[in-house]
Structures are given as structure tokens and as C-alpha cells.
């Protein structure tokens, strides 16, 4: 962590995930909504890396949503308030930040967050990832996808809805889901006053249609639960020099999806996701992994594959 200030980076969960997927696969597209003012920059970036954006919606907003994220250490929640952050480091507030009013929470207010139907280019999509978002948006995305054509469908939970009152809606998302990606803490919160035994929780998720569960445990690594063969594995975090943790989980999801679609091997998929997260952490911006040296992903997977443990 070098506390270097990176200004006005075009980002968002969908871009970090798409970059992770594109690092390991071709024919990648993004479905999202962005302010019209970002249109030119977004299209130029996605064209550069041959990522389709035909299902991106451009909203009527005339301003750019900006969010400040300041990290004191890896795997700790970022500060979203610039003044307290720089004060804690006993550093002066950079001039470029003083005049900006950053959003503490980004919430898209557009009603038409997703298109009514997919672009024809996506009709034969064989894999899809649903990024963390408000539950209503994930439900829309879930119903939009033609799951008869998709062989791998992954979803990253959002802590905002992993609460007991949303239990039934979350269980509905398990139907047809290949891999549910979350944290142990979020699972405990969702099942509060219902069940506190993780093994029983795993059985419930599988009973509702989920094939695999992956929990992200920060520096501890990842846990994979294979419901088909009733086995659990721990997969390590690839050791790296973390410069910017932003987007690590989304890059992990992208690598996971791409490899799962390629090999249908969940262990190999989590290894790939772990490596993509490590590469993303070493640089700033969602497209940093796409500029990594050729062969880096395979080399890192080879290094940590023997660290996988069955538990």
C-alpha cells in the first residue's frame, strides 16, 4: 500500500469482472447502466480490449458519480471520506480532492437499469456472472438471462441484502445457479435465527438449486464447497504486493467464471480467480489484469495449486 492518489478512474464492478473474464476468455460483454457523460470514455476502453457494450444503458444523468476509496491496509474496509482518511495518515489533503464532493454510497436511481431483452449477440451466451448489487437488480438480471443456454451462472452476493428478511428472495436466486459467491459472515447474517450450523446452511443452499458455494475469506483465502461430492476445499490467496485492493473480488469472480466455463473444474476455477485477484491488486484500474505479462496467470496457478487442501 503506497497511499498514492489515483484520480477519476473509470470503474465499477461490471468492468472489474469483465476484465477478469477477458483475461482468460474471448467474446465477453457487459450489461450495465452508466451516465451519458461517461459514454465516450467507456466505449473507447471497452473497444480497446474487445469487450462488447451493446447492452450498456446510458442514463440521463449529466454528472459523473465519483466515489473516494482510501485503504489503510489490505482486506480492511476502505474509508469513503477523504478528510478523515488523510488526517489519519497525517497527510495534507491533495488539491485535486479538495473541491470534489464524493458520494459515500453509490445508488443508481434509474428505473430501467437493465434492458427489456438482451441484444441478439448474447442469445448464445454460455456463461454469465451477476455482480454484487441491490437485490432487485440481481433478480432482474437473473430473469433476463436465458438459463437454458447458459452452462455456468455465477453470482456475488451484496451484504446489503444478506439479512433474514430477504432469506426467501435469496433462496429463489439459488435455483439454477452454478456458483454462489459470498462470505461466511454474510451467510451467518442471512440465516440468523434460522440456522447457525454452516454445514446445515450448505445443505439448504444446495436443496434450493445451487451447485457450488465459494466463500471469500480475505487473507485466509477461499473456501469451495462442492455439493455434488460433498467435499470442502481451501484455496489460498496468491501472495502479492497489494497496491490497490479495489475490484479484487470482482476480478476473482471473472477469473472463476472464465475457467469454470473452460474446464468445468471448480478447484481450477477458484485457483484462476485467486490469481486474477492477485494481479488486479498489483495495479490500479479495472483493466490492469489485461495488460499483465503473457503466461503470468498460468505460472501463478502452477505455483499455488499444490496448496489446495481438502477439509
C-alpha atoms as a PDB file:
ATOM      1  CA  UNK A   1       0.000   0.000   0.000  1.00  0.00           C
ATOM      2  CA  UNK A   2       1.694   3.186  -1.176  1.00  0.00           C
ATOM      3  CA  UNK A   3      -1.134   5.677  -0.468  1.00  0.00           C
ATOM      4  CA  UNK A   4      -0.726   7.110  -3.952  1.00  0.00           C
ATOM      5  CA  UNK A   5      -3.741   9.070  -5.191  1.00  0.00           C
ATOM      6  CA  UNK A   6      -5.286   7.827  -8.430  1.00  0.00           C
ATOM      7  CA  UNK A   7      -7.820  10.263  -9.834  1.00  0.00           C
ATOM      8  CA  UNK A   8     -11.009   9.779 -11.831  1.00  0.00           C
ATOM      9  CA  UNK A   9     -10.657   6.129 -12.738  1.00  0.00           C
ATOM     10  CA  UNK A  10     -13.489   4.736 -14.835  1.00  0.00           C
ATOM     11  CA  UNK A  11     -14.513   1.717 -12.802  1.00  0.00           C
ATOM     12  CA  UNK A  12     -17.412  -0.278 -11.363  1.00  0.00           C
ATOM     13  CA  UNK A  13     -17.996  -3.955 -10.519  1.00  0.00           C
ATOM     14  CA  UNK A  14     -19.007  -4.928 -14.061  1.00  0.00           C
ATOM     15  CA  UNK A  15     -15.731  -3.625 -15.516  1.00  0.00           C
ATOM     16  CA  UNK A  16     -13.553  -5.394 -12.942  1.00  0.00           C
ATOM     17  CA  UNK A  17     -15.442  -8.662 -13.524  1.00  0.00           C
ATOM     18  CA  UNK A  18     -15.342  -8.284 -17.313  1.00  0.00           C
ATOM     19  CA  UNK A  19     -11.593  -7.680 -17.166  1.00  0.00           C
ATOM     20  CA  UNK A  20     -11.153 -10.850 -15.102  1.00  0.00           C
ATOM     21  CA  UNK A  21     -13.175 -12.852 -17.616  1.00  0.00           C
ATOM     22  CA  UNK A  22     -11.421 -11.344 -20.629  1.00  0.00           C
ATOM     23  CA  UNK A  23      -8.042 -12.277 -19.152  1.00  0.00           C
ATOM     24  CA  UNK A  24      -8.958 -15.938 -19.690  1.00  0.00           C
ATOM     25  CA  UNK A  25     -11.676 -15.972 -22.355  1.00  0.00           C
ATOM     26  CA  UNK A  26     -12.921 -14.358 -25.554  1.00  0.00           C
ATOM     27  CA  UNK A  27     -16.347 -12.988 -26.501  1.00  0.00           C
ATOM     28  CA  UNK A  28     -17.036 -11.008 -23.328  1.00  0.00           C
ATOM     29  CA  UNK A  29     -19.811  -8.435 -22.925  1.00  0.00           C
ATOM     30  CA  UNK A  30     -21.113  -6.071 -20.247  1.00  0.00           C
ATOM     31  CA  UNK A  31     -24.699  -5.293 -19.211  1.00  0.00           C
ATOM     32  CA  UNK A  32     -24.925  -2.196 -17.048  1.00  0.00           C
ATOM     33  CA  UNK A  33     -26.040   1.424 -16.812  1.00  0.00           C
ATOM     34  CA  UNK A  34     -23.753   4.469 -16.798  1.00  0.00           C
ATOM     35  CA  UNK A  35     -24.235   8.240 -17.057  1.00  0.00           C
ATOM     36  CA  UNK A  36     -24.188   9.522 -20.638  1.00  0.00           C
ATOM     37  CA  UNK A  37     -21.228  11.736 -19.778  1.00  0.00           C
ATOM     38  CA  UNK A  38     -19.100   8.567 -19.368  1.00  0.00           C
ATOM     39  CA  UNK A  39     -20.164   7.085 -22.720  1.00  0.00           C
ATOM     40  CA  UNK A  40     -17.177   8.056 -24.859  1.00  0.00           C
ATOM     41  CA  UNK A  41     -14.535   7.039 -22.317  1.00  0.00           C
ATOM     42  CA  UNK A  42     -16.300   3.755 -21.590  1.00  0.00           C
ATOM     43  CA  UNK A  43     -16.679   2.802 -25.227  1.00  0.00           C
ATOM     44  CA  UNK A  44     -13.056   3.625 -26.012  1.00  0.00           C
ATOM     45  CA  UNK A  45     -11.842   1.482 -23.114  1.00  0.00           C
ATOM     46  CA  UNK A  46     -14.035  -1.492 -23.991  1.00  0.00           C
ATOM     47  CA  UNK A  47     -13.210  -1.256 -27.696  1.00  0.00           C
ATOM     48  CA  UNK A  48      -9.500  -1.355 -26.838  1.00  0.00           C
ATOM     49  CA  UNK A  49      -9.931  -4.729 -25.153  1.00  0.00           C
ATOM     50  CA  UNK A  50     -12.651  -6.036 -27.485  1.00  0.00           C
ATOM     51  CA  UNK A  51     -15.378  -6.181 -24.825  1.00  0.00           C
ATOM     52  CA  UNK A  52     -18.934  -5.817 -26.137  1.00  0.00           C
ATOM     53  CA  UNK A  53     -21.069  -2.975 -24.735  1.00  0.00           C
ATOM     54  CA  UNK A  54     -24.210  -3.251 -26.861  1.00  0.00           C
ATOM     55  CA  UNK A  55     -26.340  -3.841 -23.738  1.00  0.00           C
ATOM     56  CA  UNK A  56     -24.979  -0.897 -21.757  1.00  0.00           C
ATOM     57  CA  UNK A  57     -27.672   1.677 -20.990  1.00  0.00           C
ATOM     58  CA  UNK A  58     -26.754   5.364 -20.917  1.00  0.00           C
ATOM     59  CA  UNK A  59     -28.757   7.250 -18.341  1.00  0.00           C
ATOM     60  CA  UNK A  60     -29.894  10.851 -18.398  1.00  0.00           C
ATOM     61  CA  UNK A  61     -27.556  11.900 -15.590  1.00  0.00           C
ATOM     62  CA  UNK A  62     -25.393  14.883 -16.582  1.00  0.00           C
ATOM     63  CA  UNK A  63     -22.884  14.445 -13.764  1.00  0.00           C
ATOM     64  CA  UNK A  64     -20.216  11.856 -13.029  1.00  0.00           C
ATOM     65  CA  UNK A  65     -20.710   9.747  -9.930  1.00  0.00           C
ATOM     66  CA  UNK A  66     -17.439   9.892  -8.024  1.00  0.00           C
ATOM     67  CA  UNK A  67     -16.523   7.810  -5.029  1.00  0.00           C
ATOM     68  CA  UNK A  68     -13.440   8.128  -2.846  1.00  0.00           C
ATOM     69  CA  UNK A  69     -11.872   4.908  -1.561  1.00  0.00           C
ATOM     70  CA  UNK A  70      -8.929   5.131   0.814  1.00  0.00           C
ATOM     71  CA  UNK A  71      -7.194   1.992   2.104  1.00  0.00           C
ATOM     72  CA  UNK A  72      -5.155   1.856   5.292  1.00  0.00           C
ATOM     73  CA  UNK A  73      -4.356  -1.834   4.840  1.00  0.00           C
ATOM     74  CA  UNK A  74      -5.312  -4.741   2.555  1.00  0.00           C
ATOM     75  CA  UNK A  75      -8.516  -6.600   3.416  1.00  0.00           C
ATOM     76  CA  UNK A  76      -9.893  -3.753   5.532  1.00  0.00           C
ATOM     77  CA  UNK A  77     -12.985  -1.759   4.533  1.00  0.00           C
ATOM     78  CA  UNK A  78     -11.943   1.399   2.656  1.00  0.00           C
ATOM     79  CA  UNK A  79     -12.654   4.856   4.001  1.00  0.00           C
ATOM     80  CA  UNK A  80     -15.095   6.782   1.827  1.00  0.00           C
ATOM     81  CA  UNK A  81     -14.391  10.156   3.447  1.00  0.00           C
ATOM     82  CA  UNK A  82     -11.224  11.895   2.203  1.00  0.00           C
ATOM     83  CA  UNK A  83     -10.629  14.303   5.104  1.00  0.00           C
ATOM     84  CA  UNK A  84     -10.611  11.703   7.935  1.00  0.00           C
ATOM     85  CA  UNK A  85      -8.565   9.337   5.781  1.00  0.00           C
ATOM     86  CA  UNK A  86      -5.740  11.745   5.048  1.00  0.00           C
ATOM     87  CA  UNK A  87      -5.851  13.060   8.609  1.00  0.00           C
ATOM     88  CA  UNK A  88      -5.328   9.540   9.973  1.00  0.00           C
ATOM     89  CA  UNK A  89      -2.172   9.315   7.859  1.00  0.00           C
ATOM     90  CA  UNK A  90      -1.081  12.792   8.913  1.00  0.00           C
ATOM     91  CA  UNK A  91      -1.027  13.860   5.279  1.00  0.00           C
ATOM     92  CA  UNK A  92      -2.345  17.010   3.636  1.00  0.00           C
ATOM     93  CA  UNK A  93      -5.483  16.695   1.555  1.00  0.00           C
ATOM     94  CA  UNK A  94      -4.447  16.729  -2.128  1.00  0.00           C
ATOM     95  CA  UNK A  95      -5.578  19.843  -4.003  1.00  0.00           C
ATOM     96  CA  UNK A  96      -7.304  17.710  -6.626  1.00  0.00           C
ATOM     97  CA  UNK A  97      -9.610  16.257  -3.972  1.00  0.00           C
ATOM     98  CA  UNK A  98     -10.490  19.394  -2.011  1.00  0.00           C
ATOM     99  CA  UNK A  99     -13.128  20.662  -4.430  1.00  0.00           C
ATOM    100  CA  UNK A 100     -14.859  17.345  -5.065  1.00  0.00           C
ATOM    101  CA  UNK A 101     -17.963  16.181  -3.238  1.00  0.00           C
ATOM    102  CA  UNK A 102     -17.653  12.409  -3.212  1.00  0.00           C
ATOM    103  CA  UNK A 103     -20.582  10.075  -2.763  1.00  0.00           C
ATOM    104  CA  UNK A 104     -20.384   7.894   0.345  1.00  0.00           C
ATOM    105  CA  UNK A 105     -22.760   5.390  -1.226  1.00  0.00           C
ATOM    106  CA  UNK A 106     -23.404   4.891  -4.916  1.00  0.00           C
ATOM    107  CA  UNK A 107     -27.007   4.044  -5.713  1.00  0.00           C
ATOM    108  CA  UNK A 108     -28.285   4.010  -9.276  1.00  0.00           C
ATOM    109  CA  UNK A 109     -31.687   5.670  -9.254  1.00  0.00           C
ATOM    110  CA  UNK A 110     -32.599   4.749 -12.810  1.00  0.00           C
ATOM    111  CA  UNK A 111     -35.712   2.617 -13.089  1.00  0.00           C
ATOM    112  CA  UNK A 112     -34.672   0.986 -16.366  1.00  0.00           C
ATOM    113  CA  UNK A 113     -31.435  -0.431 -15.007  1.00  0.00           C
ATOM    114  CA  UNK A 114     -31.432  -3.373 -17.398  1.00  0.00           C
ATOM    115  CA  UNK A 115     -32.679  -3.673 -20.971  1.00  0.00           C
ATOM    116  CA  UNK A 116     -36.044  -5.298 -21.577  1.00  0.00           C
ATOM    117  CA  UNK A 117     -34.298  -8.017 -23.535  1.00  0.00           C
ATOM    118  CA  UNK A 118     -30.766  -8.979 -24.405  1.00  0.00           C
ATOM    119  CA  UNK A 119     -29.005  -7.952 -27.575  1.00  0.00           C
ATOM    120  CA  UNK A 120     -29.070 -10.804 -30.157  1.00  0.00           C
ATOM    121  CA  UNK A 121     -25.309 -11.103 -29.733  1.00  0.00           C
ATOM    122  CA  UNK A 122     -25.948 -12.537 -26.252  1.00  0.00           C
ATOM    123  CA  UNK A 123     -28.584 -15.098 -27.209  1.00  0.00           C
ATOM    124  CA  UNK A 124     -25.982 -17.853 -27.382  1.00  0.00           C
ATOM    125  CA  UNK A 125     -24.066 -16.805 -24.278  1.00  0.00           C
ATOM    126  CA  UNK A 126     -22.849 -19.914 -22.471  1.00  0.00           C
ATOM    127  CA  UNK A 127     -21.729 -18.302 -19.210  1.00  0.00           C
ATOM    128  CA  UNK A 128     -22.685 -15.246 -17.155  1.00  0.00           C
ATOM    129  CA  UNK A 129     -21.750 -13.536 -13.900  1.00  0.00           C
ATOM    130  CA  UNK A 130     -24.105 -11.297 -11.897  1.00  0.00           C
ATOM    131  CA  UNK A 131     -22.171  -8.655  -9.971  1.00  0.00           C
ATOM    132  CA  UNK A 132     -22.998  -7.616  -6.424  1.00  0.00           C
ATOM    133  CA  UNK A 133     -25.834  -5.088  -6.468  1.00  0.00           C
ATOM    134  CA  UNK A 134     -29.165  -4.351  -4.848  1.00  0.00           C
ATOM    135  CA  UNK A 135     -31.281  -7.494  -4.736  1.00  0.00           C
ATOM    136  CA  UNK A 136     -33.944  -6.133  -7.103  1.00  0.00           C
ATOM    137  CA  UNK A 137     -31.317  -5.549  -9.786  1.00  0.00           C
ATOM    138  CA  UNK A 138     -29.833  -9.008  -9.383  1.00  0.00           C
ATOM    139  CA  UNK A 139     -33.322 -10.511  -9.672  1.00  0.00           C
ATOM    140  CA  UNK A 140     -33.872  -8.569 -12.914  1.00  0.00           C
ATOM    141  CA  UNK A 141     -30.588  -9.806 -14.310  1.00  0.00           C
ATOM    142  CA  UNK A 142     -31.356 -13.346 -13.197  1.00  0.00           C
ATOM    143  CA  UNK A 143     -34.711 -13.397 -15.003  1.00  0.00           C
ATOM    144  CA  UNK A 144     -33.274 -11.710 -18.107  1.00  0.00           C
ATOM    145  CA  UNK A 145     -30.755 -14.445 -18.807  1.00  0.00           C
ATOM    146  CA  UNK A 146     -31.769 -17.490 -20.830  1.00  0.00           C
ATOM    147  CA  UNK A 147     -30.593 -20.164 -18.450  1.00  0.00           C
ATOM    148  CA  UNK A 148     -31.361 -22.903 -20.977  1.00  0.00           C
ATOM    149  CA  UNK A 149     -28.333 -21.764 -22.990  1.00  0.00           C
ATOM    150  CA  UNK A 150     -26.063 -20.869 -20.070  1.00  0.00           C
ATOM    151  CA  UNK A 151     -23.955 -23.693 -18.666  1.00  0.00           C
ATOM    152  CA  UNK A 152     -22.235 -21.623 -15.955  1.00  0.00           C
ATOM    153  CA  UNK A 153     -24.007 -18.917 -13.952  1.00  0.00           C
ATOM    154  CA  UNK A 154     -22.271 -17.241 -11.015  1.00  0.00           C
ATOM    155  CA  UNK A 155     -23.448 -14.549  -8.608  1.00  0.00           C
ATOM    156  CA  UNK A 156     -21.653 -12.437  -5.996  1.00  0.00           C
ATOM    157  CA  UNK A 157     -23.813 -11.512  -3.010  1.00  0.00           C
ATOM    158  CA  UNK A 158     -24.208  -7.971  -1.710  1.00  0.00           C
ATOM    159  CA  UNK A 159     -24.021  -7.545   2.093  1.00  0.00           C
ATOM    160  CA  UNK A 160     -26.910  -5.076   1.962  1.00  0.00           C
ATOM    161  CA  UNK A 161     -29.485  -7.821   1.410  1.00  0.00           C
ATOM    162  CA  UNK A 162     -27.898 -10.741   3.235  1.00  0.00           C
ATOM    163  CA  UNK A 163     -30.312 -10.344   6.132  1.00  0.00           C
ATOM    164  CA  UNK A 164     -33.079 -12.619   7.495  1.00  0.00           C
ATOM    165  CA  UNK A 165     -35.943 -10.621   5.952  1.00  0.00           C
ATOM    166  CA  UNK A 166     -34.549 -11.287   2.450  1.00  0.00           C
ATOM    167  CA  UNK A 167     -33.994 -15.004   3.000  1.00  0.00           C
ATOM    168  CA  UNK A 168     -36.748 -16.231   0.685  1.00  0.00           C
ATOM    169  CA  UNK A 169     -35.741 -13.958  -2.208  1.00  0.00           C
ATOM    170  CA  UNK A 170     -32.105 -15.006  -1.878  1.00  0.00           C
ATOM    171  CA  UNK A 171     -33.123 -18.668  -1.902  1.00  0.00           C
ATOM    172  CA  UNK A 172     -35.011 -18.048  -5.147  1.00  0.00           C
ATOM    173  CA  UNK A 173     -31.730 -16.942  -6.712  1.00  0.00           C
ATOM    174  CA  UNK A 174     -30.191 -20.327  -5.937  1.00  0.00           C
ATOM    175  CA  UNK A 175     -32.412 -22.080  -8.491  1.00  0.00           C
ATOM    176  CA  UNK A 176     -30.189 -22.781 -11.482  1.00  0.00           C
ATOM    177  CA  UNK A 177     -27.160 -21.029 -10.003  1.00  0.00           C
ATOM    178  CA  UNK A 178     -23.835 -22.738 -10.669  1.00  0.00           C
ATOM    179  CA  UNK A 179     -21.746 -20.937  -8.046  1.00  0.00           C
ATOM    180  CA  UNK A 180     -22.896 -18.669  -5.228  1.00  0.00           C
ATOM    181  CA  UNK A 181     -20.033 -16.423  -4.094  1.00  0.00           C
ATOM    182  CA  UNK A 182     -20.316 -14.790  -0.685  1.00  0.00           C
ATOM    183  CA  UNK A 183     -18.631 -14.629   2.754  1.00  0.00           C
ATOM    184  CA  UNK A 184     -19.152 -16.708   5.876  1.00  0.00           C
ATOM    185  CA  UNK A 185     -20.210 -13.546   7.706  1.00  0.00           C
ATOM    186  CA  UNK A 186     -22.903 -12.790   5.154  1.00  0.00           C
ATOM    187  CA  UNK A 187     -24.208 -16.352   5.291  1.00  0.00           C
ATOM    188  CA  UNK A 188     -24.403 -16.173   9.086  1.00  0.00           C
ATOM    189  CA  UNK A 189     -26.291 -12.885   8.825  1.00  0.00           C
ATOM    190  CA  UNK A 190     -28.757 -14.257   6.253  1.00  0.00           C
ATOM    191  CA  UNK A 191     -29.550 -17.343   8.361  1.00  0.00           C
ATOM    192  CA  UNK A 192     -29.679 -15.528  11.707  1.00  0.00           C
ATOM    193  CA  UNK A 193     -32.391 -17.019  13.976  1.00  0.00           C
ATOM    194  CA  UNK A 194     -32.970 -19.701  11.338  1.00  0.00           C
ATOM    195  CA  UNK A 195     -29.854 -21.867  11.426  1.00  0.00           C
ATOM    196  CA  UNK A 196     -26.355 -21.282  12.797  1.00  0.00           C
ATOM    197  CA  UNK A 197     -24.760 -24.528  11.616  1.00  0.00           C
ATOM    198  CA  UNK A 198     -22.733 -23.836   8.466  1.00  0.00           C
ATOM    199  CA  UNK A 199     -22.981 -27.441   7.292  1.00  0.00           C
ATOM    200  CA  UNK A 200     -26.779 -27.265   7.529  1.00  0.00           C
ATOM    201  CA  UNK A 201     -26.729 -23.925   5.714  1.00  0.00           C
ATOM    202  CA  UNK A 202     -24.748 -25.527   2.904  1.00  0.00           C
ATOM    203  CA  UNK A 203     -27.361 -28.282   2.600  1.00  0.00           C
ATOM    204  CA  UNK A 204     -30.150 -25.707   2.377  1.00  0.00           C
ATOM    205  CA  UNK A 205     -28.401 -23.782  -0.391  1.00  0.00           C
ATOM    206  CA  UNK A 206     -27.917 -26.987  -2.366  1.00  0.00           C
ATOM    207  CA  UNK A 207     -31.527 -28.025  -1.810  1.00  0.00           C
ATOM    208  CA  UNK A 208     -32.621 -24.732  -3.380  1.00  0.00           C
ATOM    209  CA  UNK A 209     -30.631 -25.464  -6.537  1.00  0.00           C
ATOM    210  CA  UNK A 210     -27.099 -24.122  -6.048  1.00  0.00           C
ATOM    211  CA  UNK A 211     -24.349 -26.417  -7.354  1.00  0.00           C
ATOM    212  CA  UNK A 212     -21.281 -24.916  -5.636  1.00  0.00           C
ATOM    213  CA  UNK A 213     -20.560 -22.384  -2.918  1.00  0.00           C
ATOM    214  CA  UNK A 214     -17.443 -20.233  -2.672  1.00  0.00           C
ATOM    215  CA  UNK A 215     -16.738 -18.070   0.346  1.00  0.00           C
ATOM    216  CA  UNK A 216     -14.245 -15.217   0.177  1.00  0.00           C
ATOM    217  CA  UNK A 217     -12.283 -15.030   3.398  1.00  0.00           C
ATOM    218  CA  UNK A 218      -9.845 -12.181   2.684  1.00  0.00           C
ATOM    219  CA  UNK A 219      -6.255 -13.084   3.627  1.00  0.00           C
ATOM    220  CA  UNK A 220      -7.363 -16.603   4.679  1.00  0.00           C
ATOM    221  CA  UNK A 221      -8.144 -17.424   1.077  1.00  0.00           C
ATOM    222  CA  UNK A 222     -11.233 -19.071  -0.387  1.00  0.00           C
ATOM    223  CA  UNK A 223     -13.389 -21.997   0.625  1.00  0.00           C
ATOM    224  CA  UNK A 224     -15.053 -24.137  -2.023  1.00  0.00           C
ATOM    225  CA  UNK A 225     -17.972 -26.403  -1.149  1.00  0.00           C
ATOM    226  CA  UNK A 226     -18.732 -28.965  -3.848  1.00  0.00           C
ATOM    227  CA  UNK A 227     -22.306 -30.056  -3.166  1.00  0.00           C
ATOM    228  CA  UNK A 228     -22.143 -32.852  -5.744  1.00  0.00           C
ATOM    229  CA  UNK A 229     -19.469 -34.853  -3.947  1.00  0.00           C
ATOM    230  CA  UNK A 230     -19.976 -33.291  -0.501  1.00  0.00           C
ATOM    231  CA  UNK A 231     -16.408 -32.069  -0.125  1.00  0.00           C
ATOM    232  CA  UNK A 232     -14.856 -28.801   1.040  1.00  0.00           C
ATOM    233  CA  UNK A 233     -11.569 -27.292  -0.029  1.00  0.00           C
ATOM    234  CA  UNK A 234      -9.465 -24.300   0.938  1.00  0.00           C
ATOM    235  CA  UNK A 235      -7.750 -22.428  -1.885  1.00  0.00           C
ATOM    236  CA  UNK A 236      -5.073 -19.897  -0.966  1.00  0.00           C
ATOM    237  CA  UNK A 237      -4.748 -16.250  -1.869  1.00  0.00           C
ATOM    238  CA  UNK A 238      -1.835 -15.826  -4.233  1.00  0.00           C
ATOM    239  CA  UNK A 239       0.801 -13.808  -2.309  1.00  0.00           C
ATOM    240  CA  UNK A 240       1.269 -10.441  -3.983  1.00  0.00           C
ATOM    241  CA  UNK A 241       2.260  -6.847  -3.333  1.00  0.00           C
ATOM    242  CA  UNK A 242      -1.137  -5.214  -2.925  1.00  0.00           C
ATOM    243  CA  UNK A 243      -1.181  -1.677  -4.310  1.00  0.00           C
ATOM    244  CA  UNK A 244      -4.932  -1.195  -4.825  1.00  0.00           C
ATOM    245  CA  UNK A 245      -7.465  -3.729  -3.427  1.00  0.00           C
ATOM    246  CA  UNK A 246     -10.376  -2.147  -5.332  1.00  0.00           C
ATOM    247  CA  UNK A 247     -12.077  -4.702  -7.566  1.00  0.00           C
ATOM    248  CA  UNK A 248     -10.252  -7.769  -6.240  1.00  0.00           C
ATOM    249  CA  UNK A 249     -13.453  -9.706  -5.515  1.00  0.00           C
ATOM    250  CA  UNK A 250     -14.918  -8.836  -8.921  1.00  0.00           C
ATOM    251  CA  UNK A 251     -11.701  -9.823 -10.719  1.00  0.00           C
ATOM    252  CA  UNK A 252     -11.786 -13.084  -8.754  1.00  0.00           C
ATOM    253  CA  UNK A 253     -15.340 -13.706  -9.965  1.00  0.00           C
ATOM    254  CA  UNK A 254     -14.324 -13.021 -13.554  1.00  0.00           C
ATOM    255  CA  UNK A 255     -11.421 -15.457 -13.485  1.00  0.00           C
ATOM    256  CA  UNK A 256     -13.589 -18.030 -11.720  1.00  0.00           C
ATOM    257  CA  UNK A 257     -16.324 -17.810 -14.368  1.00  0.00           C
ATOM    258  CA  UNK A 258     -13.938 -17.986 -17.320  1.00  0.00           C
ATOM    259  CA  UNK A 259     -12.089 -21.057 -16.066  1.00  0.00           C
ATOM    260  CA  UNK A 260     -15.285 -22.801 -14.924  1.00  0.00           C
ATOM    261  CA  UNK A 261     -16.712 -22.338 -18.404  1.00  0.00           C
ATOM    262  CA  UNK A 262     -13.500 -23.684 -19.945  1.00  0.00           C
ATOM    263  CA  UNK A 263     -12.762 -26.698 -17.748  1.00  0.00           C
ATOM    264  CA  UNK A 264     -15.855 -27.190 -15.541  1.00  0.00           C
ATOM    265  CA  UNK A 265     -13.344 -27.875 -12.755  1.00  0.00           C
ATOM    266  CA  UNK A 266     -14.387 -25.842  -9.690  1.00  0.00           C
ATOM    267  CA  UNK A 267     -11.000 -26.133  -7.950  1.00  0.00           C
ATOM    268  CA  UNK A 268      -9.148 -24.934 -11.036  1.00  0.00           C
ATOM    269  CA  UNK A 269     -11.736 -22.156 -11.380  1.00  0.00           C
ATOM    270  CA  UNK A 270     -11.142 -20.865  -7.842  1.00  0.00           C
ATOM    271  CA  UNK A 271      -7.381 -21.035  -8.398  1.00  0.00           C
ATOM    272  CA  UNK A 272      -7.789 -18.933 -11.521  1.00  0.00           C
ATOM    273  CA  UNK A 273      -9.958 -16.452  -9.638  1.00  0.00           C
ATOM    274  CA  UNK A 274      -7.390 -16.219  -6.832  1.00  0.00           C
ATOM    275  CA  UNK A 275      -4.634 -15.431  -9.313  1.00  0.00           C
ATOM    276  CA  UNK A 276      -6.721 -12.810 -11.154  1.00  0.00           C
ATOM    277  CA  UNK A 277      -7.486 -11.106  -7.841  1.00  0.00           C
ATOM    278  CA  UNK A 278      -3.762 -11.003  -7.038  1.00  0.00           C
ATOM    279  CA  UNK A 279      -2.890  -9.474 -10.404  1.00  0.00           C
ATOM    280  CA  UNK A 280      -5.615  -6.867 -10.085  1.00  0.00           C
ATOM    281  CA  UNK A 281      -4.327  -5.907  -6.612  1.00  0.00           C
ATOM    282  CA  UNK A 282      -0.905  -5.095  -8.014  1.00  0.00           C
ATOM    283  CA  UNK A 283      -2.183  -2.233 -10.153  1.00  0.00           C
ATOM    284  CA  UNK A 284      -4.883   0.382 -10.386  1.00  0.00           C
ATOM    285  CA  UNK A 285      -7.990   0.384 -12.557  1.00  0.00           C
ATOM    286  CA  UNK A 286     -10.230  -2.400 -13.855  1.00  0.00           C
ATOM    287  CA  UNK A 287      -8.183  -3.180 -16.970  1.00  0.00           C
ATOM    288  CA  UNK A 288      -4.813  -3.672 -15.271  1.00  0.00           C
ATOM    289  CA  UNK A 289      -5.025  -7.526 -15.474  1.00  0.00           C
ATOM    290  CA  UNK A 290      -5.455  -7.305 -19.255  1.00  0.00           C
ATOM    291  CA  UNK A 291      -2.055  -5.658 -19.535  1.00  0.00           C
ATOM    292  CA  UNK A 292      -0.258  -8.317 -17.471  1.00  0.00           C
ATOM    293  CA  UNK A 293       2.600 -10.283 -18.976  1.00  0.00           C
ATOM    294  CA  UNK A 294       1.556 -13.283 -21.108  1.00  0.00           C
ATOM    295  CA  UNK A 295       1.775 -16.529 -19.198  1.00  0.00           C
ATOM    296  CA  UNK A 296       1.565 -14.866 -15.779  1.00  0.00           C
ATOM    297  CA  UNK A 297      -1.819 -16.393 -14.926  1.00  0.00           C
ATOM    298  CA  UNK A 298      -0.755 -19.971 -15.717  1.00  0.00           C
ATOM    299  CA  UNK A 299       2.554 -19.535 -13.898  1.00  0.00           C
ATOM    300  CA  UNK A 300       0.860 -18.334 -10.728  1.00  0.00           C
ATOM    301  CA  UNK A 301      -1.732 -21.111 -10.837  1.00  0.00           C
ATOM    302  CA  UNK A 302       1.060 -23.671 -11.092  1.00  0.00           C
ATOM    303  CA  UNK A 303       2.732 -22.136  -8.045  1.00  0.00           C
ATOM    304  CA  UNK A 304      -0.263 -22.400  -5.698  1.00  0.00           C
ATOM    305  CA  UNK A 305      -2.151 -25.432  -7.000  1.00  0.00           C
ATOM    306  CA  UNK A 306      -0.379 -27.722  -4.537  1.00  0.00           C
ATOM    307  CA  UNK A 307      -1.510 -25.520  -1.648  1.00  0.00           C
ATOM    308  CA  UNK A 308      -5.151 -26.591  -2.111  1.00  0.00           C
ATOM    309  CA  UNK A 309      -6.379 -28.605   0.882  1.00  0.00           C
ATOM    310  CA  UNK A 310      -9.424 -30.762   1.392  1.00  0.00           C
ATOM    311  CA  UNK A 311     -11.053 -30.062   4.764  1.00  0.00           C
END
